[in-house]
Amino acid sequence: PQKLSFKINEKDQQTFEEEFIILSMKGDVEEKMIKIDKLS
């Protein structure tokens, strides 16, 4: 829990399977950063 924002790695793009998705949310992504406070 020590981080409130995570940087996106644009080089790490992969396909996925629905089994491994835990939770889908909507939120703001600014300057390639996902901020936990601004998620739904």
PDB file of all heavy atoms in Angstrom:
ATOM      1  N   PRO A   1       0.802  -1.236   0.000  1.00  0.00           N
ATOM      2  CA  PRO A   1       0.000   0.000   0.000  1.00  0.00           C
ATOM      3  C   PRO A   1       0.836   1.288   0.000  1.00  0.00           C
ATOM      4  O   PRO A   1       0.278   2.368   0.082  1.00  0.00           O
ATOM      5  CB  PRO A   1      -0.793  -0.115   1.292  1.00  0.00           C
ATOM      6  CG  PRO A   1       0.103  -0.876   2.189  1.00  0.00           C
ATOM      7  CD  PRO A   1       0.895  -1.803   1.327  1.00  0.00           C
ATOM      8  N   GLN A   2       2.161   1.184  -0.066  1.00  0.00           N
ATOM      9  CA  GLN A   2       2.965   2.391   0.050  1.00  0.00           C
ATOM     10  C   GLN A   2       2.906   3.281  -1.197  1.00  0.00           C
ATOM     11  O   GLN A   2       3.356   4.419  -1.161  1.00  0.00           O
ATOM     12  CB  GLN A   2       4.429   2.039   0.369  1.00  0.00           C
ATOM     13  CG  GLN A   2       5.132   1.188  -0.653  1.00  0.00           C
ATOM     14  CD  GLN A   2       5.064  -0.264  -0.270  1.00  0.00           C
ATOM     15  OE1 GLN A   2       4.106  -0.658   0.386  1.00  0.00           O
ATOM     16  NE2 GLN A   2       6.045  -1.041  -0.675  1.00  0.00           N
ATOM     17  N   LYS A   3       2.373   2.762  -2.321  1.00  0.00           N
ATOM     18  CA  LYS A   3       2.301   3.565  -3.556  1.00  0.00           C
ATOM     19  C   LYS A   3       0.858   3.921  -3.857  1.00  0.00           C
ATOM     20  O   LYS A   3      -0.036   3.096  -3.700  1.00  0.00           O
ATOM     21  CB  LYS A   3       2.896   2.758  -4.718  1.00  0.00           C
ATOM     22  CG  LYS A   3       4.403   2.823  -4.775  1.00  0.00           C
ATOM     23  CD  LYS A   3       4.845   2.539  -6.178  1.00  0.00           C
ATOM     24  CE  LYS A   3       6.290   2.937  -6.361  1.00  0.00           C
ATOM     25  NZ  LYS A   3       6.664   2.920  -7.752  1.00  0.00           N
ATOM     26  N   LEU A   4       0.648   5.168  -4.341  1.00  0.00           N
ATOM     27  CA  LEU A   4      -0.691   5.620  -4.745  1.00  0.00           C
ATOM     28  C   LEU A   4      -0.793   5.834  -6.242  1.00  0.00           C
ATOM     29  O   LEU A   4      -1.861   6.187  -6.729  1.00  0.00           O
ATOM     30  CB  LEU A   4      -1.047   6.917  -4.011  1.00  0.00           C
ATOM     31  CG  LEU A   4      -1.183   6.778  -2.486  1.00  0.00           C
ATOM     32  CD1 LEU A   4      -1.345   8.151  -1.846  1.00  0.00           C
ATOM     33  CD2 LEU A   4      -2.349   5.891  -2.120  1.00  0.00           C
ATOM     34  N   SER A   5       0.299   5.653  -6.950  1.00  0.00           N
ATOM     35  CA  SER A   5       0.293   5.807  -8.407  1.00  0.00           C
ATOM     36  C   SER A   5       1.265   4.808  -9.013  1.00  0.00           C
ATOM     37  O   SER A   5       2.299   4.515  -8.420  1.00  0.00           O
ATOM     38  CB  SER A   5       0.698   7.235  -8.790  1.00  0.00           C
ATOM     39  OG  SER A   5       1.991   7.518  -8.323  1.00  0.00           O
ATOM     40  N   PHE A   6       0.906   4.270 -10.189  1.00  0.00           N
ATOM     41  CA  PHE A   6       1.702   3.259 -10.887  1.00  0.00           C
ATOM     42  C   PHE A   6       1.911   3.706 -12.325  1.00  0.00           C
ATOM     43  O   PHE A   6       0.965   4.127 -13.005  1.00  0.00           O
ATOM     44  CB  PHE A   6       0.999   1.902 -10.865  1.00  0.00           C
ATOM     45  CG  PHE A   6       0.939   1.294  -9.494  1.00  0.00           C
ATOM     46  CD1 PHE A   6      -0.091   1.606  -8.617  1.00  0.00           C
ATOM     47  CD2 PHE A   6       1.931   0.433  -9.076  1.00  0.00           C
ATOM     48  CE1 PHE A   6      -0.128   1.055  -7.365  1.00  0.00           C
ATOM     49  CE2 PHE A   6       1.875  -0.127  -7.813  1.00  0.00           C
ATOM     50  CZ  PHE A   6       0.851   0.184  -6.952  1.00  0.00           C
ATOM     51  N   LYS A   7       3.158   3.608 -12.787  1.00  0.00           N
ATOM     52  CA  LYS A   7       3.502   4.035 -14.144  1.00  0.00           C
ATOM     53  C   LYS A   7       3.247   2.901 -15.120  1.00  0.00           C
ATOM     54  O   LYS A   7       3.550   1.746 -14.848  1.00  0.00           O
ATOM     55  CB  LYS A   7       4.970   4.447 -14.194  1.00  0.00           C
ATOM     56  CG  LYS A   7       5.341   5.189 -15.457  1.00  0.00           C
ATOM     57  CD  LYS A   7       6.769   5.694 -15.369  1.00  0.00           C
ATOM     58  CE  LYS A   7       7.108   6.467 -16.637  1.00  0.00           C
ATOM     59  NZ  LYS A   7       8.501   6.985 -16.592  1.00  0.00           N
ATOM     60  N   ILE A   8       2.702   3.281 -16.297  1.00  0.00           N
ATOM     61  CA  ILE A   8       2.357   2.290 -17.324  1.00  0.00           C
ATOM     62  C   ILE A   8       3.583   2.017 -18.181  1.00  0.00           C
ATOM     63  O   ILE A   8       4.312   2.936 -18.561  1.00  0.00           O
ATOM     64  CB  ILE A   8       1.185   2.783 -18.191  1.00  0.00           C
ATOM     65  CG1 ILE A   8      -0.076   2.894 -17.321  1.00  0.00           C
ATOM     66  CG2 ILE A   8       0.938   1.837 -19.349  1.00  0.00           C
ATOM     67  CD1 ILE A   8      -1.172   3.660 -17.960  1.00  0.00           C
ATOM     68  N   ASN A   9       3.802   0.733 -18.474  1.00  0.00           N
ATOM     69  CA  ASN A   9       4.885   0.314 -19.362  1.00  0.00           C
ATOM     70  C   ASN A   9       4.291   0.034 -20.735  1.00  0.00           C
ATOM     71  O   ASN A   9       3.671  -1.003 -20.960  1.00  0.00           O
ATOM     72  CB  ASN A   9       5.556  -0.935 -18.795  1.00  0.00           C
ATOM     73  CG  ASN A   9       6.780  -1.332 -19.583  1.00  0.00           C
ATOM     74  OD1 ASN A   9       7.227  -0.594 -20.454  1.00  0.00           O
ATOM     75  ND2 ASN A   9       7.327  -2.502 -19.276  1.00  0.00           N
ATOM     76  N   GLU A  10       4.443   0.980 -21.656  1.00  0.00           N
ATOM     77  CA  GLU A  10       3.826   0.845 -22.985  1.00  0.00           C
ATOM     78  C   GLU A  10       4.411  -0.305 -23.787  1.00  0.00           C
ATOM     79  O   GLU A  10       3.764  -0.827 -24.699  1.00  0.00           O
ATOM     80  CB  GLU A  10       4.002   2.160 -23.752  1.00  0.00           C
ATOM     81  CG  GLU A  10       3.146   3.294 -23.188  1.00  0.00           C
ATOM     82  CD  GLU A  10       3.296   4.564 -24.006  1.00  0.00           C
ATOM     83  OE1 GLU A  10       4.197   4.588 -24.864  1.00  0.00           O
ATOM     84  OE2 GLU A  10       2.517   5.498 -23.798  1.00  0.00           O
ATOM     85  N   LYS A  11       5.622  -0.745 -23.432  1.00  0.00           N
ATOM     86  CA  LYS A  11       6.233  -1.854 -24.159  1.00  0.00           C
ATOM     87  C   LYS A  11       5.633  -3.195 -23.750  1.00  0.00           C
ATOM     88  O   LYS A  11       5.730  -4.169 -24.500  1.00  0.00           O
ATOM     89  CB  LYS A  11       7.734  -1.870 -23.900  1.00  0.00           C
ATOM     90  CG  LYS A  11       8.450  -0.678 -24.486  1.00  0.00           C
ATOM     91  CD  LYS A  11       9.924  -0.748 -24.178  1.00  0.00           C
ATOM     92  CE  LYS A  11      10.648   0.471 -24.750  1.00  0.00           C
ATOM     93  NZ  LYS A  11      12.094   0.434 -24.439  1.00  0.00           N
ATOM     94  N   ASP A  12       5.041  -3.262 -22.565  1.00  0.00           N
ATOM     95  CA  ASP A  12       4.482  -4.522 -22.052  1.00  0.00           C
ATOM     96  C   ASP A  12       2.994  -4.590 -22.398  1.00  0.00           C
ATOM     97  O   ASP A  12       2.134  -4.300 -21.577  1.00  0.00           O
ATOM     98  CB  ASP A  12       4.703  -4.603 -20.550  1.00  0.00           C
ATOM     99  CG  ASP A  12       4.411  -5.996 -20.010  1.00  0.00           C
ATOM    100  OD1 ASP A  12       4.069  -6.878 -20.812  1.00  0.00           O
ATOM    101  OD2 ASP A  12       4.529  -6.190 -18.785  1.00  0.00           O
ATOM    102  N   GLN A  13       2.684  -4.950 -23.637  1.00  0.00           N
ATOM    103  CA  GLN A  13       1.305  -5.099 -24.114  1.00  0.00           C
ATOM    104  C   GLN A  13       1.090  -6.549 -24.515  1.00  0.00           C
ATOM    105  O   GLN A  13       1.849  -7.099 -25.305  1.00  0.00           O
ATOM    106  CB  GLN A  13       1.060  -4.172 -25.313  1.00  0.00           C
ATOM    107  CG  GLN A  13       1.065  -2.694 -24.942  1.00  0.00           C
ATOM    108  CD  GLN A  13       0.738  -1.809 -26.127  1.00  0.00           C
ATOM    109  OE1 GLN A  13       0.571  -2.301 -27.241  1.00  0.00           O
ATOM    110  NE2 GLN A  13       0.636  -0.504 -25.898  1.00  0.00           N
ATOM    111  N   GLN A  14       0.027  -7.145 -23.949  1.00  0.00           N
ATOM    112  CA  GLN A  14      -0.244  -8.565 -24.193  1.00  0.00           C
ATOM    113  C   GLN A  14      -1.740  -8.808 -24.246  1.00  0.00           C
ATOM    114  O   GLN A  14      -2.535  -8.019 -23.718  1.00  0.00           O
ATOM    115  CB  GLN A  14       0.350  -9.428 -23.073  1.00  0.00           C
ATOM    116  CG  GLN A  14       1.852  -9.384 -22.984  1.00  0.00           C
ATOM    117  CD  GLN A  14       2.369 -10.241 -21.865  1.00  0.00           C
ATOM    118  OE1 GLN A  14       1.634 -11.036 -21.313  1.00  0.00           O
ATOM    119  NE2 GLN A  14       3.645 -10.065 -21.528  1.00  0.00           N
ATOM    120  N   THR A  15      -2.093  -9.922 -24.871  1.00  0.00           N
ATOM    121  CA  THR A  15      -3.492 -10.377 -24.838  1.00  0.00           C
ATOM    122  C   THR A  15      -3.763 -11.017 -23.488  1.00  0.00           C
ATOM    123  O   THR A  15      -2.838 -11.301 -22.723  1.00  0.00           O
ATOM    124  CB  THR A  15      -3.744 -11.392 -25.954  1.00  0.00           C
ATOM    125  OG1 THR A  15      -2.833 -12.463 -25.789  1.00  0.00           O
ATOM    126  CG2 THR A  15      -3.569 -10.753 -27.327  1.00  0.00           C
ATOM    127  N   PHE A  16      -5.036 -11.297 -23.188  1.00  0.00           N
ATOM    128  CA  PHE A  16      -5.384 -11.788 -21.860  1.00  0.00           C
ATOM    129  C   PHE A  16      -6.552 -12.759 -21.957  1.00  0.00           C
ATOM    130  O   PHE A  16      -7.190 -12.898 -23.006  1.00  0.00           O
ATOM    131  CB  PHE A  16      -5.742 -10.614 -20.935  1.00  0.00           C
ATOM    132  CG  PHE A  16      -6.972  -9.851 -21.383  1.00  0.00           C
ATOM    133  CD1 PHE A  16      -8.238 -10.180 -20.901  1.00  0.00           C
ATOM    134  CD2 PHE A  16      -6.866  -8.818 -22.310  1.00  0.00           C
ATOM    135  CE1 PHE A  16      -9.345  -9.492 -21.328  1.00  0.00           C
ATOM    136  CE2 PHE A  16      -7.980  -8.141 -22.720  1.00  0.00           C
ATOM    137  CZ  PHE A  16      -9.231  -8.458 -22.242  1.00  0.00           C
ATOM    138  N   GLU A  17      -6.836 -13.410 -20.842  1.00  0.00           N
ATOM    139  CA  GLU A  17      -7.985 -14.284 -20.700  1.00  0.00           C
ATOM    140  C   GLU A  17      -8.854 -13.752 -19.560  1.00  0.00           C
ATOM    141  O   GLU A  17      -8.350 -13.238 -18.562  1.00  0.00           O
ATOM    142  CB  GLU A  17      -7.531 -15.711 -20.383  1.00  0.00           C
ATOM    143  CG  GLU A  17      -6.791 -16.360 -21.542  1.00  0.00           C
ATOM    144  CD  GLU A  17      -6.361 -17.764 -21.210  1.00  0.00           C
ATOM    145  OE1 GLU A  17      -6.707 -18.220 -20.091  1.00  0.00           O
ATOM    146  OE2 GLU A  17      -5.691 -18.407 -22.042  1.00  0.00           O
ATOM    147  N   GLU A  18     -10.148 -13.935 -19.718  1.00  0.00           N
ATOM    148  CA  GLU A  18     -11.104 -13.377 -18.755  1.00  0.00           C
ATOM    149  C   GLU A  18     -10.977 -14.037 -17.374  1.00  0.00           C
ATOM    150  O   GLU A  18     -11.413 -13.458 -16.374  1.00  0.00           O
ATOM    151  CB  GLU A  18     -12.538 -13.572 -19.282  1.00  0.00           C
ATOM    152  CG  GLU A  18     -12.872 -12.728 -20.504  1.00  0.00           C
ATOM    153  CD  GLU A  18     -12.956 -11.231 -20.187  1.00  0.00           C
ATOM    154  OE1 GLU A  18     -13.188 -10.908 -19.003  1.00  0.00           O
ATOM    155  OE2 GLU A  18     -12.768 -10.422 -21.094  1.00  0.00           O
ATOM    156  N   GLU A  19     -10.424 -15.230 -17.295  1.00  0.00           N
ATOM    157  CA  GLU A  19     -10.312 -15.926 -16.000  1.00  0.00           C
ATOM    158  C   GLU A  19      -9.459 -15.140 -15.006  1.00  0.00           C
ATOM    159  O   GLU A  19      -9.720 -15.147 -13.807  1.00  0.00           O
ATOM    160  CB  GLU A  19      -9.667 -17.298 -16.198  1.00  0.00           C
ATOM    161  CG  GLU A  19     -10.517 -18.246 -16.994  1.00  0.00           C
ATOM    162  CD  GLU A  19      -9.804 -19.571 -17.219  1.00  0.00           C
ATOM    163  OE1 GLU A  19      -8.617 -19.650 -16.843  1.00  0.00           O
ATOM    164  OE2 GLU A  19     -10.413 -20.501 -17.750  1.00  0.00           O
ATOM    165  N   PHE A  20      -8.392 -14.481 -15.504  1.00  0.00           N
ATOM    166  CA  PHE A  20      -7.409 -13.847 -14.633  1.00  0.00           C
ATOM    167  C   PHE A  20      -7.751 -12.393 -14.310  1.00  0.00           C
ATOM    168  O   PHE A  20      -7.004 -11.742 -13.595  1.00  0.00           O
ATOM    169  CB  PHE A  20      -6.019 -13.924 -15.280  1.00  0.00           C
ATOM    170  CG  PHE A  20      -5.551 -15.327 -15.514  1.00  0.00           C
ATOM    171  CD1 PHE A  20      -5.566 -15.883 -16.786  1.00  0.00           C
ATOM    172  CD2 PHE A  20      -5.143 -16.117 -14.459  1.00  0.00           C
ATOM    173  CE1 PHE A  20      -5.154 -17.173 -16.998  1.00  0.00           C
ATOM    174  CE2 PHE A  20      -4.721 -17.413 -14.673  1.00  0.00           C
ATOM    175  CZ  PHE A  20      -4.730 -17.949 -15.942  1.00  0.00           C
ATOM    176  N   ILE A  21      -8.868 -11.852 -14.831  1.00  0.00           N
ATOM    177  CA  ILE A  21      -9.271 -10.483 -14.499  1.00  0.00           C
ATOM    178  C   ILE A  21     -10.036 -10.526 -13.187  1.00  0.00           C
ATOM    179  O   ILE A  21     -11.029 -11.234 -13.034  1.00  0.00           O
ATOM    180  CB  ILE A  21     -10.139  -9.868 -15.621  1.00  0.00           C
ATOM    181  CG1 ILE A  21      -9.275  -9.648 -16.870  1.00  0.00           C
ATOM    182  CG2 ILE A  21     -10.754  -8.554 -15.166  1.00  0.00           C
ATOM    183  CD1 ILE A  21     -10.054  -9.310 -18.090  1.00  0.00           C
ATOM    184  N   ILE A  22      -9.548  -9.785 -12.205  1.00  0.00           N
ATOM    185  CA  ILE A  22     -10.138  -9.764 -10.864  1.00  0.00           C
ATOM    186  C   ILE A  22     -11.223  -8.696 -10.770  1.00  0.00           C
ATOM    187  O   ILE A  22     -12.329  -8.941 -10.281  1.00  0.00           O
ATOM    188  CB  ILE A  22      -9.040  -9.522  -9.810  1.00  0.00           C
ATOM    189  CG1 ILE A  22      -8.019 -10.668  -9.860  1.00  0.00           C
ATOM    190  CG2 ILE A  22      -9.611  -9.410  -8.415  1.00  0.00           C
ATOM    191  CD1 ILE A  22      -6.734 -10.377  -9.138  1.00  0.00           C
ATOM    192  N   LEU A  23     -10.943  -7.466 -11.283  1.00  0.00           N
ATOM    193  CA  LEU A  23     -11.876  -6.334 -11.143  1.00  0.00           C
ATOM    194  C   LEU A  23     -11.588  -5.332 -12.243  1.00  0.00           C
ATOM    195  O   LEU A  23     -10.423  -5.050 -12.544  1.00  0.00           O
ATOM    196  CB  LEU A  23     -11.691  -5.657  -9.766  1.00  0.00           C
ATOM    197  CG  LEU A  23     -12.642  -4.520  -9.429  1.00  0.00           C
ATOM    198  CD1 LEU A  23     -14.086  -4.999  -9.322  1.00  0.00           C
ATOM    199  CD2 LEU A  23     -12.207  -3.852  -8.137  1.00  0.00           C
ATOM    200  N   SER A  24     -12.656  -4.835 -12.896  1.00  0.00           N
ATOM    201  CA  SER A  24     -12.520  -3.790 -13.929  1.00  0.00           C
ATOM    202  C   SER A  24     -13.113  -2.486 -13.384  1.00  0.00           C
ATOM    203  O   SER A  24     -14.184  -2.472 -12.781  1.00  0.00           O
ATOM    204  CB  SER A  24     -13.240  -4.216 -15.211  1.00  0.00           C
ATOM    205  OG  SER A  24     -14.619  -4.398 -14.955  1.00  0.00           O
ATOM    206  N   MET A  25     -12.377  -1.362 -13.586  1.00  0.00           N
ATOM    207  CA  MET A  25     -12.761  -0.045 -13.048  1.00  0.00           C
ATOM    208  C   MET A  25     -12.545   1.016 -14.114  1.00  0.00           C
ATOM    209  O   MET A  25     -11.921   0.751 -15.158  1.00  0.00           O
ATOM    210  CB  MET A  25     -11.884   0.276 -11.821  1.00  0.00           C
ATOM    211  CG  MET A  25     -11.971  -0.732 -10.688  1.00  0.00           C
ATOM    212  SD  MET A  25     -10.681  -0.494  -9.481  1.00  0.00           S
ATOM    213  CE  MET A  25      -9.336  -1.236 -10.351  1.00  0.00           C
ATOM    214  N   LYS A  26     -13.027   2.212 -13.835  1.00  0.00           N
ATOM    215  CA  LYS A  26     -12.804   3.374 -14.693  1.00  0.00           C
ATOM    216  C   LYS A  26     -12.150   4.461 -13.866  1.00  0.00           C
ATOM    217  O   LYS A  26     -12.452   4.633 -12.685  1.00  0.00           O
ATOM    218  CB  LYS A  26     -14.118   3.874 -15.279  1.00  0.00           C
ATOM    219  CG  LYS A  26     -14.683   2.942 -16.333  1.00  0.00           C
ATOM    220  CD  LYS A  26     -15.888   3.522 -17.023  1.00  0.00           C
ATOM    221  CE  LYS A  26     -16.415   2.586 -18.105  1.00  0.00           C
ATOM    222  NZ  LYS A  26     -17.580   3.138 -18.803  1.00  0.00           N
ATOM    223  N   GLY A  27     -11.233   5.187 -14.542  1.00  0.00           N
ATOM    224  CA  GLY A  27     -10.532   6.221 -13.817  1.00  0.00           C
ATOM    225  C   GLY A  27      -9.660   7.065 -14.729  1.00  0.00           C
ATOM    226  O   GLY A  27      -9.638   6.880 -15.957  1.00  0.00           O
ATOM    227  N   ASP A  28      -8.978   8.048 -14.133  1.00  0.00           N
ATOM    228  CA  ASP A  28      -8.132   8.977 -14.870  1.00  0.00           C
ATOM    229  C   ASP A  28      -6.740   8.408 -15.024  1.00  0.00           C
ATOM    230  O   ASP A  28      -6.180   7.838 -14.089  1.00  0.00           O
ATOM    231  CB  ASP A  28      -8.042  10.307 -14.130  1.00  0.00           C
ATOM    232  CG  ASP A  28      -9.401  11.000 -14.080  1.00  0.00           C
ATOM    233  OD1 ASP A  28     -10.224  10.682 -14.951  1.00  0.00           O
ATOM    234  OD2 ASP A  28      -9.617  11.804 -13.166  1.00  0.00           O
ATOM    235  N   VAL A  29      -6.185   8.594 -16.205  1.00  0.00           N
ATOM    236  CA  VAL A  29      -4.808   8.214 -16.500  1.00  0.00           C
ATOM    237  C   VAL A  29      -4.106   9.441 -17.032  1.00  0.00           C
ATOM    238  O   VAL A  29      -4.392   9.904 -18.145  1.00  0.00           O
ATOM    239  CB  VAL A  29      -4.733   7.054 -17.515  1.00  0.00           C
ATOM    240  CG1 VAL A  29      -3.274   6.710 -17.806  1.00  0.00           C
ATOM    241  CG2 VAL A  29      -5.470   5.827 -16.996  1.00  0.00           C
ATOM    242  N   GLU A  30      -3.230  10.040 -16.265  1.00  0.00           N
ATOM    243  CA  GLU A  30      -2.541  11.277 -16.628  1.00  0.00           C
ATOM    244  C   GLU A  30      -1.051  11.011 -16.718  1.00  0.00           C
ATOM    245  O   GLU A  30      -0.451  10.485 -15.786  1.00  0.00           O
ATOM    246  CB  GLU A  30      -2.812  12.355 -15.564  1.00  0.00           C
ATOM    247  CG  GLU A  30      -4.268  12.787 -15.503  1.00  0.00           C
ATOM    248  CD  GLU A  30      -4.480  13.816 -14.419  1.00  0.00           C
ATOM    249  OE1 GLU A  30      -3.496  14.129 -13.723  1.00  0.00           O
ATOM    250  OE2 GLU A  30      -5.622  14.276 -14.275  1.00  0.00           O
ATOM    251  N   GLU A  31      -0.508  11.394 -17.855  1.00  0.00           N
ATOM    252  CA  GLU A  31       0.936  11.273 -18.105  1.00  0.00           C
ATOM    253  C   GLU A  31       1.415   9.846 -17.848  1.00  0.00           C
ATOM    254  O   GLU A  31       2.395   9.605 -17.126  1.00  0.00           O
ATOM    255  CB  GLU A  31       1.711  12.257 -17.222  1.00  0.00           C
ATOM    256  CG  GLU A  31       1.417  13.699 -17.558  1.00  0.00           C
ATOM    257  CD  GLU A  31       2.182  14.657 -16.656  1.00  0.00           C
ATOM    258  OE1 GLU A  31       2.868  14.147 -15.718  1.00  0.00           O
ATOM    259  OE2 GLU A  31       2.100  15.855 -16.875  1.00  0.00           O
ATOM    260  N   LYS A  32       0.642   8.887 -18.395  1.00  0.00           N
ATOM    261  CA  LYS A  32       0.988   7.454 -18.297  1.00  0.00           C
ATOM    262  C   LYS A  32       1.072   6.985 -16.851  1.00  0.00           C
ATOM    263  O   LYS A  32       1.881   6.114 -16.497  1.00  0.00           O
ATOM    264  CB  LYS A  32       2.299   7.167 -19.019  1.00  0.00           C
ATOM    265  CG  LYS A  32       2.285   7.484 -20.485  1.00  0.00           C
ATOM    266  CD  LYS A  32       3.625   7.221 -21.103  1.00  0.00           C
ATOM    267  CE  LYS A  32       3.647   7.652 -22.569  1.00  0.00           C
ATOM    268  NZ  LYS A  32       4.955   7.429 -23.178  1.00  0.00           N
ATOM    269  N   MET A  33       0.266   7.541 -15.962  1.00  0.00           N
ATOM    270  CA  MET A  33       0.237   7.173 -14.547  1.00  0.00           C
ATOM    271  C   MET A  33      -1.187   6.826 -14.143  1.00  0.00           C
ATOM    272  O   MET A  33      -2.118   7.599 -14.437  1.00  0.00           O
ATOM    273  CB  MET A  33       0.755   8.305 -13.663  1.00  0.00           C
ATOM    274  CG  MET A  33       2.212   8.672 -13.891  1.00  0.00           C
ATOM    275  SD  MET A  33       3.365   7.428 -13.311  1.00  0.00           S
ATOM    276  CE  MET A  33       3.220   7.703 -11.563  1.00  0.00           C
ATOM    277  N   ILE A  34      -1.395   5.717 -13.489  1.00  0.00           N
ATOM    278  CA  ILE A  34      -2.690   5.309 -12.941  1.00  0.00           C
ATOM    279  C   ILE A  34      -2.699   5.708 -11.478  1.00  0.00           C
ATOM    280  O   ILE A  34      -1.877   5.230 -10.682  1.00  0.00           O
ATOM    281  CB  ILE A  34      -2.914   3.796 -13.087  1.00  0.00           C
ATOM    282  CG1 ILE A  34      -2.986   3.404 -14.555  1.00  0.00           C
ATOM    283  CG2 ILE A  34      -4.178   3.358 -12.380  1.00  0.00           C
ATOM    284  CD1 ILE A  34      -2.981   1.915 -14.813  1.00  0.00           C
ATOM    285  N   LYS A  35      -3.650   6.612 -11.109  1.00  0.00           N
ATOM    286  CA  LYS A  35      -3.752   7.061  -9.733  1.00  0.00           C
ATOM    287  C   LYS A  35      -4.891   6.316  -9.046  1.00  0.00           C
ATOM    288  O   LYS A  35      -6.015   6.276  -9.548  1.00  0.00           O
ATOM    289  CB  LYS A  35      -3.987   8.562  -9.688  1.00  0.00           C
ATOM    290  CG  LYS A  35      -2.770   9.348 -10.166  1.00  0.00           C
ATOM    291  CD  LYS A  35      -2.975  10.829 -10.039  1.00  0.00           C
ATOM    292  CE  LYS A  35      -1.729  11.602 -10.488  1.00  0.00           C
ATOM    293  NZ  LYS A  35      -1.907  13.051 -10.370  1.00  0.00           N
ATOM    294  N   ILE A  36      -4.593   5.717  -7.881  1.00  0.00           N
ATOM    295  CA  ILE A  36      -5.564   4.879  -7.181  1.00  0.00           C
ATOM    296  C   ILE A  36      -6.700   5.716  -6.625  1.00  0.00           C
ATOM    297  O   ILE A  36      -7.853   5.267  -6.565  1.00  0.00           O
ATOM    298  CB  ILE A  36      -4.845   4.097  -6.061  1.00  0.00           C
ATOM    299  CG1 ILE A  36      -3.777   3.187  -6.671  1.00  0.00           C
ATOM    300  CG2 ILE A  36      -5.804   3.243  -5.264  1.00  0.00           C
ATOM    301  CD1 ILE A  36      -2.811   2.614  -5.675  1.00  0.00           C
ATOM    302  N   ASP A  37      -6.413   6.945  -6.239  1.00  0.00           N
ATOM    303  CA  ASP A  37      -7.451   7.799  -5.650  1.00  0.00           C
ATOM    304  C   ASP A  37      -8.553   8.139  -6.653  1.00  0.00           C
ATOM    305  O   ASP A  37      -9.693   8.397  -6.264  1.00  0.00           O
ATOM    306  CB  ASP A  37      -6.829   9.095  -5.111  1.00  0.00           C
ATOM    307  CG  ASP A  37      -5.847   8.805  -3.986  1.00  0.00           C
ATOM    308  OD1 ASP A  37      -6.003   7.723  -3.357  1.00  0.00           O
ATOM    309  OD2 ASP A  37      -4.920   9.597  -3.751  1.00  0.00           O
ATOM    310  N   LYS A  38      -8.227   8.198  -7.936  1.00  0.00           N
ATOM    311  CA  LYS A  38      -9.174   8.633  -8.963  1.00  0.00           C
ATOM    312  C   LYS A  38      -9.842   7.472  -9.685  1.00  0.00           C
ATOM    313  O   LYS A  38     -10.388   7.657 -10.761  1.00  0.00           O
ATOM    314  CB  LYS A  38      -8.451   9.528  -9.964  1.00  0.00           C
ATOM    315  CG  LYS A  38      -7.986  10.835  -9.322  1.00  0.00           C
ATOM    316  CD  LYS A  38      -7.328  11.738 -10.342  1.00  0.00           C
ATOM    317  CE  LYS A  38      -6.882  13.053  -9.701  1.00  0.00           C
ATOM    318  NZ  LYS A  38      -6.248  13.964 -10.677  1.00  0.00           N
ATOM    319  N   LEU A  39      -9.773   6.256  -9.134  1.00  0.00           N
ATOM    320  CA  LEU A  39     -10.458   5.104  -9.727  1.00  0.00           C
ATOM    321  C   LEU A  39     -11.876   5.014  -9.196  1.00  0.00           C
ATOM    322  O   LEU A  39     -12.189   5.531  -8.113  1.00  0.00           O
ATOM    323  CB  LEU A  39      -9.701   3.829  -9.398  1.00  0.00           C
ATOM    324  CG  LEU A  39      -8.300   3.674 -10.016  1.00  0.00           C
ATOM    325  CD1 LEU A  39      -7.604   2.443  -9.464  1.00  0.00           C
ATOM    326  CD2 LEU A  39      -8.374   3.595 -11.540  1.00  0.00           C
ATOM    327  N   SER A  40     -12.721   4.325  -9.949  1.00  0.00           N
ATOM    328  CA  SER A  40     -14.133   4.232  -9.572  1.00  0.00           C
ATOM    329  C   SER A  40     -14.341   3.348  -8.343  1.00  0.00           C
ATOM    330  O   SER A  40     -15.291   3.523  -7.596  1.00  0.00           O
ATOM    331  CB  SER A  40     -14.953   3.689 -10.744  1.00  0.00           C
ATOM    332  OG  SER A  40     -14.484   2.392 -11.081  1.00  0.00           O
TER     333      SER A  40
END
